PDB file of all heavy atoms in Angstrom:
ATOM      1  N   VAL A   1     133.811  97.479 107.723  1.00  0.00           N
ATOM      2  CA  VAL A   1     132.635  97.601 106.869  1.00  0.00           C
ATOM      3  C   VAL A   1     131.737  96.392 107.059  1.00  0.00           C
ATOM      4  O   VAL A   1     131.997  95.326 106.503  1.00  0.00           O
ATOM      5  CB  VAL A   1     133.024  97.727 105.380  1.00  0.00           C
ATOM      6  CG1 VAL A   1     131.776  97.913 104.521  1.00  0.00           C
ATOM      7  CG2 VAL A   1     133.993  98.882 105.181  1.00  0.00           C
ATOM      8  N   PRO A   2     130.670  96.517 107.877  1.00  0.00           N
ATOM      9  CA  PRO A   2     129.754  95.389 108.013  1.00  0.00           C
ATOM     10  C   PRO A   2     129.119  95.048 106.673  1.00  0.00           C
ATOM     11  O   PRO A   2     128.778  95.930 105.905  1.00  0.00           O
ATOM     12  CB  PRO A   2     128.699  95.908 109.014  1.00  0.00           C
ATOM     13  CG  PRO A   2     129.352  97.063 109.693  1.00  0.00           C
ATOM     14  CD  PRO A   2     130.297  97.650 108.694  1.00  0.00           C
ATOM     15  N   GLU A   3     128.977  93.772 106.398  1.00  0.00           N
ATOM     16  CA  GLU A   3     128.377  93.365 105.149  1.00  0.00           C
ATOM     17  C   GLU A   3     126.870  93.501 105.214  1.00  0.00           C
ATOM     18  O   GLU A   3     126.248  93.331 106.249  1.00  0.00           O
ATOM     19  CB  GLU A   3     128.732  91.903 104.842  1.00  0.00           C
ATOM     20  CG  GLU A   3     130.214  91.675 104.583  1.00  0.00           C
ATOM     21  CD  GLU A   3     130.490  90.227 104.224  1.00  0.00           C
ATOM     22  OE1 GLU A   3     129.524  89.438 104.244  1.00  0.00           O
ATOM     23  OE2 GLU A   3     131.637  89.910 103.933  1.00  0.00           O
ATOM     24  N   ALA A   4     126.294  93.833 104.056  1.00  0.00           N
ATOM     25  CA  ALA A   4     124.845  93.903 103.967  1.00  0.00           C
ATOM     26  C   ALA A   4     124.270  92.504 104.119  1.00  0.00           C
ATOM     27  O   ALA A   4     124.884  91.526 103.710  1.00  0.00           O
ATOM     28  CB  ALA A   4     124.424  94.492 102.624  1.00  0.00           C
ATOM     29  N   PRO A   5     123.087  92.410 104.747  1.00  0.00           N
ATOM     30  CA  PRO A   5     122.451  91.090 104.844  1.00  0.00           C
ATOM     31  C   PRO A   5     122.246  90.497 103.465  1.00  0.00           C
ATOM     32  O   PRO A   5     121.856  91.193 102.532  1.00  0.00           O
ATOM     33  CB  PRO A   5     121.111  91.395 105.525  1.00  0.00           C
ATOM     34  CG  PRO A   5     121.328  92.706 106.221  1.00  0.00           C
ATOM     35  CD  PRO A   5     122.316  93.450 105.371  1.00  0.00           C
ATOM     36  N   ALA A   6     122.543  89.213 103.329  1.00  0.00           N
ATOM     37  CA  ALA A   6     122.418  88.561 102.030  1.00  0.00           C
ATOM     38  C   ALA A   6     120.963  88.336 101.686  1.00  0.00           C
ATOM     39  O   ALA A   6     120.166  87.919 102.520  1.00  0.00           O
ATOM     40  CB  ALA A   6     123.154  87.225 102.049  1.00  0.00           C
ATOM     41  N   ALA A   7     120.601  88.655 100.457  1.00  0.00           N
ATOM     42  CA  ALA A   7     119.242  88.425 100.003  1.00  0.00           C
ATOM     43  C   ALA A   7     119.056  86.945  99.704  1.00  0.00           C
ATOM     44  O   ALA A   7     119.980  86.240  99.329  1.00  0.00           O
ATOM     45  CB  ALA A   7     118.955  89.259  98.758  1.00  0.00           C
ATOM     46  N   ALA A   8     117.847  86.494  99.880  1.00  0.00           N
ATOM     47  CA  ALA A   8     117.559  85.102  99.566  1.00  0.00           C
ATOM     48  C   ALA A   8     117.717  84.863  98.078  1.00  0.00           C
ATOM     49  O   ALA A   8     117.453  85.728  97.251  1.00  0.00           O
ATOM     50  CB  ALA A   8     116.128  84.772  99.997  1.00  0.00           C
ATOM     51  N   GLY A   9     118.173  83.678  97.724  1.00  0.00           N
ATOM     52  CA  GLY A   9     118.378  83.349  96.323  1.00  0.00           C
ATOM     53  C   GLY A   9     117.074  83.293  95.555  1.00  0.00           C
ATOM     54  O   GLY A   9     116.019  83.013  96.104  1.00  0.00           O
ATOM     55  N   ASP A  10     117.141  83.604  94.262  1.00  0.00           N
ATOM     56  CA  ASP A  10     115.959  83.577  93.423  1.00  0.00           C
ATOM     57  C   ASP A  10     115.715  82.153  92.967  1.00  0.00           C
ATOM     58  O   ASP A  10     116.375  81.642  92.079  1.00  0.00           O
ATOM     59  CB  ASP A  10     116.159  84.502  92.219  1.00  0.00           C
ATOM     60  CG  ASP A  10     114.894  84.614  91.384  1.00  0.00           C
ATOM     61  OD1 ASP A  10     113.908  83.942  91.728  1.00  0.00           O
ATOM     62  OD2 ASP A  10     114.903  85.363  90.397  1.00  0.00           O
ATOM     63  N   GLU A  11     114.755  81.528  93.596  1.00  0.00           N
ATOM     64  CA  GLU A  11     114.432  80.146  93.286  1.00  0.00           C
ATOM     65  C   GLU A  11     113.372  80.043  92.196  1.00  0.00           C
ATOM     66  O   GLU A  11     112.972  78.962  91.809  1.00  0.00           O
ATOM     67  CB  GLU A  11     113.917  79.450  94.562  1.00  0.00           C
ATOM     68  CG  GLU A  11     114.870  79.550  95.734  1.00  0.00           C
ATOM     69  CD  GLU A  11     116.018  78.591  95.632  1.00  0.00           C
ATOM     70  OE1 GLU A  11     115.824  77.539  95.026  1.00  0.00           O
ATOM     71  OE2 GLU A  11     117.098  78.898  96.151  1.00  0.00           O
ATOM     72  N   GLY A  12     112.868  81.214  91.751  1.00  0.00           N
ATOM     73  CA  GLY A  12     111.771  81.189  90.792  1.00  0.00           C
ATOM     74  C   GLY A  12     110.449  81.057  91.512  1.00  0.00           C
ATOM     75  O   GLY A  12     110.376  81.011  92.734  1.00  0.00           O
ATOM     76  N   PHE A  13     109.377  81.003  90.767  1.00  0.00           N
ATOM     77  CA  PHE A  13     108.041  80.947  91.342  1.00  0.00           C
ATOM     78  C   PHE A  13     107.335  79.689  90.888  1.00  0.00           C
ATOM     79  O   PHE A  13     107.482  79.242  89.760  1.00  0.00           O
ATOM     80  CB  PHE A  13     107.216  82.172  90.906  1.00  0.00           C
ATOM     81  CG  PHE A  13     107.713  83.449  91.497  1.00  0.00           C
ATOM     82  CD1 PHE A  13     108.725  84.175  90.872  1.00  0.00           C
ATOM     83  CD2 PHE A  13     107.194  83.920  92.685  1.00  0.00           C
ATOM     84  CE1 PHE A  13     109.173  85.351  91.416  1.00  0.00           C
ATOM     85  CE2 PHE A  13     107.639  85.095  93.235  1.00  0.00           C
ATOM     86  CZ  PHE A  13     108.633  85.815  92.610  1.00  0.00           C
ATOM     87  N   THR A  14     106.548  79.133  91.782  1.00  0.00           N
ATOM     88  CA  THR A  14     105.700  77.999  91.416  1.00  0.00           C
ATOM     89  C   THR A  14     104.447  78.543  90.761  1.00  0.00           C
ATOM     90  O   THR A  14     103.762  79.400  91.318  1.00  0.00           O
ATOM     91  CB  THR A  14     105.316  77.191  92.663  1.00  0.00           C
ATOM     92  OG1 THR A  14     106.506  76.727  93.285  1.00  0.00           O
ATOM     93  CG2 THR A  14     104.428  76.012  92.288  1.00  0.00           C
ATOM     94  N   GLU A  15     104.153  78.051  89.565  1.00  0.00           N
ATOM     95  CA  GLU A  15     102.990  78.543  88.847  1.00  0.00           C
ATOM     96  C   GLU A  15     101.717  78.193  89.603  1.00  0.00           C
ATOM     97  O   GLU A  15     101.575  77.114  90.168  1.00  0.00           O
ATOM     98  CB  GLU A  15     102.936  77.922  87.444  1.00  0.00           C
ATOM     99  CG  GLU A  15     104.042  78.419  86.516  1.00  0.00           C
ATOM    100  CD  GLU A  15     103.819  79.860  86.078  1.00  0.00           C
ATOM    101  OE1 GLU A  15     102.718  80.384  86.307  1.00  0.00           O
ATOM    102  OE2 GLU A  15     104.746  80.451  85.511  1.00  0.00           O
ATOM    103  N   ILE A  16     100.772  79.128  89.635  1.00  0.00           N
ATOM    104  CA  ILE A  16      99.474  78.875  90.229  1.00  0.00           C
ATOM    105  C   ILE A  16      98.678  77.992  89.294  1.00  0.00           C
ATOM    106  O   ILE A  16      98.631  78.223  88.089  1.00  0.00           O
ATOM    107  CB  ILE A  16      98.724  80.199  90.459  1.00  0.00           C
ATOM    108  CG1 ILE A  16      99.486  81.053  91.480  1.00  0.00           C
ATOM    109  CG2 ILE A  16      97.297  79.954  90.917  1.00  0.00           C
ATOM    110  CD1 ILE A  16      98.874  82.395  91.710  1.00  0.00           C
ATOM    111  N   SER A  17      98.059  76.953  89.806  1.00  0.00           N
ATOM    112  CA  SER A  17      97.297  76.040  88.973  1.00  0.00           C
ATOM    113  C   SER A  17      95.934  75.803  89.587  1.00  0.00           C
ATOM    114  O   SER A  17      95.697  76.102  90.751  1.00  0.00           O
ATOM    115  CB  SER A  17      98.036  74.699  88.812  1.00  0.00           C
ATOM    116  OG  SER A  17      98.211  74.088  90.079  1.00  0.00           O
ATOM    117  N   GLY A  18      95.035  75.264  88.781  1.00  0.00           N
ATOM    118  CA  GLY A  18      93.684  75.001  89.245  1.00  0.00           C
ATOM    119  C   GLY A  18      92.746  76.121  88.881  1.00  0.00           C
ATOM    120  O   GLY A  18      93.162  77.225  88.548  1.00  0.00           O
ATOM    121  N   SER A  19      91.469  75.855  88.940  1.00  0.00           N
ATOM    122  CA  SER A  19      90.482  76.853  88.562  1.00  0.00           C
ATOM    123  C   SER A  19      90.202  77.790  89.718  1.00  0.00           C
ATOM    124  O   SER A  19      90.342  77.439  90.882  1.00  0.00           O
ATOM    125  CB  SER A  19      89.180  76.171  88.120  1.00  0.00           C
ATOM    126  OG  SER A  19      88.641  75.426  89.201  1.00  0.00           O
ATOM    127  N   VAL A  20      89.810  79.022  89.375  1.00  0.00           N
ATOM    128  CA  VAL A  20      89.496  80.041  90.370  1.00  0.00           C
ATOM    129  C   VAL A  20      88.152  80.642  90.016  1.00  0.00           C
ATOM    130  O   VAL A  20      87.895  80.959  88.854  1.00  0.00           O
ATOM    131  CB  VAL A  20      90.578  81.147  90.387  1.00  0.00           C
ATOM    132  CG1 VAL A  20      90.248  82.192  91.425  1.00  0.00           C
ATOM    133  CG2 VAL A  20      91.944  80.544  90.667  1.00  0.00           C
ATOM    134  N   ASP A  21      87.293  80.803  91.001  1.00  0.00           N
ATOM    135  CA  ASP A  21      86.003  81.409  90.761  1.00  0.00           C
ATOM    136  C   ASP A  21      86.201  82.850  90.353  1.00  0.00           C
ATOM    137  O   ASP A  21      86.721  83.658  91.109  1.00  0.00           O
ATOM    138  CB  ASP A  21      85.155  81.314  92.037  1.00  0.00           C
ATOM    139  CG  ASP A  21      83.745  81.858  91.832  1.00  0.00           C
ATOM    140  OD1 ASP A  21      83.447  82.292  90.713  1.00  0.00           O
ATOM    141  OD2 ASP A  21      82.957  81.824  92.799  1.00  0.00           O
ATOM    142  N   GLY A  22      85.763  83.197  89.137  1.00  0.00           N
ATOM    143  CA  GLY A  22      85.975  84.548  88.627  1.00  0.00           C
ATOM    144  C   GLY A  22      84.854  85.499  88.937  1.00  0.00           C
ATOM    145  O   GLY A  22      84.825  86.608  88.420  1.00  0.00           O
ATOM    146  N   ASP A  23      83.884  85.131  89.746  1.00  0.00           N
ATOM    147  CA  ASP A  23      82.774  86.008  90.075  1.00  0.00           C
ATOM    148  C   ASP A  23      83.288  87.201  90.870  1.00  0.00           C
ATOM    149  O   ASP A  23      83.744  87.064  91.997  1.00  0.00           O
ATOM    150  CB  ASP A  23      81.744  85.235  90.902  1.00  0.00           C
ATOM    151  CG  ASP A  23      80.520  86.080  91.253  1.00  0.00           C
ATOM    152  OD1 ASP A  23      80.486  87.255  90.817  1.00  0.00           O
ATOM    153  OD2 ASP A  23      79.628  85.567  91.955  1.00  0.00           O
ATOM    154  N   SER A  24      83.183  88.406  90.264  1.00  0.00           N
ATOM    155  CA  SER A  24      83.726  89.596  90.918  1.00  0.00           C
ATOM    156  C   SER A  24      82.955  89.947  92.180  1.00  0.00           C
ATOM    157  O   SER A  24      83.436  90.706  93.017  1.00  0.00           O
ATOM    158  CB  SER A  24      83.706  90.784  89.949  1.00  0.00           C
ATOM    159  OG  SER A  24      82.364  91.072  89.561  1.00  0.00           O
ATOM    160  N   GLU A  25      81.749  89.407  92.315  1.00  0.00           N
ATOM    161  CA  GLU A  25      80.967  89.705  93.501  1.00  0.00           C
ATOM    162  C   GLU A  25      81.229  88.700  94.622  1.00  0.00           C
ATOM    163  O   GLU A  25      80.714  88.838  95.719  1.00  0.00           O
ATOM    164  CB  GLU A  25      79.469  89.677  93.149  1.00  0.00           C
ATOM    165  CG  GLU A  25      79.058  90.712  92.108  1.00  0.00           C
ATOM    166  CD  GLU A  25      79.322  92.127  92.579  1.00  0.00           C
ATOM    167  OE1 GLU A  25      79.074  92.394  93.766  1.00  0.00           O
ATOM    168  OE2 GLU A  25      79.792  92.949  91.771  1.00  0.00           O
ATOM    169  N   GLY A  26      82.032  87.671  94.311  1.00  0.00           N
ATOM    170  CA  GLY A  26      82.307  86.644  95.304  1.00  0.00           C
ATOM    171  C   GLY A  26      83.256  87.135  96.369  1.00  0.00           C
ATOM    172  O   GLY A  26      83.901  88.165  96.233  1.00  0.00           O
ATOM    173  N   SER A  27      83.360  86.404  97.472  1.00  0.00           N
ATOM    174  CA  SER A  27      84.250  86.773  98.560  1.00  0.00           C
ATOM    175  C   SER A  27      85.642  86.204  98.311  1.00  0.00           C
ATOM    176  O   SER A  27      85.804  85.258  97.544  1.00  0.00           O
ATOM    177  CB  SER A  27      83.697  86.255  99.888  1.00  0.00           C
ATOM    178  OG  SER A  27      83.620  84.842  99.869  1.00  0.00           O
ATOM    179  N   TYR A  28      86.624  86.785  98.953  1.00  0.00           N
ATOM    180  CA  TYR A  28      87.990  86.297  98.864  1.00  0.00           C
ATOM    181  C   TYR A  28      88.713  86.645 100.156  1.00  0.00           C
ATOM    182  O   TYR A  28      88.286  87.516 100.912  1.00  0.00           O
ATOM    183  CB  TYR A  28      88.727  86.903  97.662  1.00  0.00           C
ATOM    184  CG  TYR A  28      88.808  88.411  97.683  1.00  0.00           C
ATOM    185  CD1 TYR A  28      89.873  89.062  98.293  1.00  0.00           C
ATOM    186  CD2 TYR A  28      87.819  89.200  97.094  1.00  0.00           C
ATOM    187  CE1 TYR A  28      89.961  90.444  98.328  1.00  0.00           C
ATOM    188  CE2 TYR A  28      87.888  90.579  97.118  1.00  0.00           C
ATOM    189  CZ  TYR A  28      88.959  91.200  97.730  1.00  0.00           C
ATOM    190  OH  TYR A  28      89.033  92.560  97.770  1.00  0.00           O
ATOM    191  N   SER A  29      89.805  85.942 100.394  1.00  0.00           N
ATOM    192  CA  SER A  29      90.556  86.131 101.626  1.00  0.00           C
ATOM    193  C   SER A  29      91.526  87.287 101.485  1.00  0.00           C
ATOM    194  O   SER A  29      92.096  87.517 100.416  1.00  0.00           O
ATOM    195  CB  SER A  29      91.330  84.852 101.982  1.00  0.00           C
ATOM    196  OG  SER A  29      90.440  83.779 102.217  1.00  0.00           O
ATOM    197  N   SER A  30      91.726  88.007 102.569  1.00  0.00           N
ATOM    198  CA  SER A  30      92.732  89.065 102.604  1.00  0.00           C
ATOM    199  C   SER A  30      93.752  88.724 103.679  1.00  0.00           C
ATOM    200  O   SER A  30      93.650  87.711 104.355  1.00  0.00           O
ATOM    201  CB  SER A  30      92.070  90.419 102.898  1.00  0.00           C
ATOM    202  OG  SER A  30      91.383  90.375 104.136  1.00  0.00           O
TER     203      SER A  30
END
């Protein structure tokens, strides 16, 4: 029985900080 690949550990998420331009007509990266 081959073992399933191990999932990466849950390290949590780094909170996003800083201001973001909220102009809905502005450009953003994809």
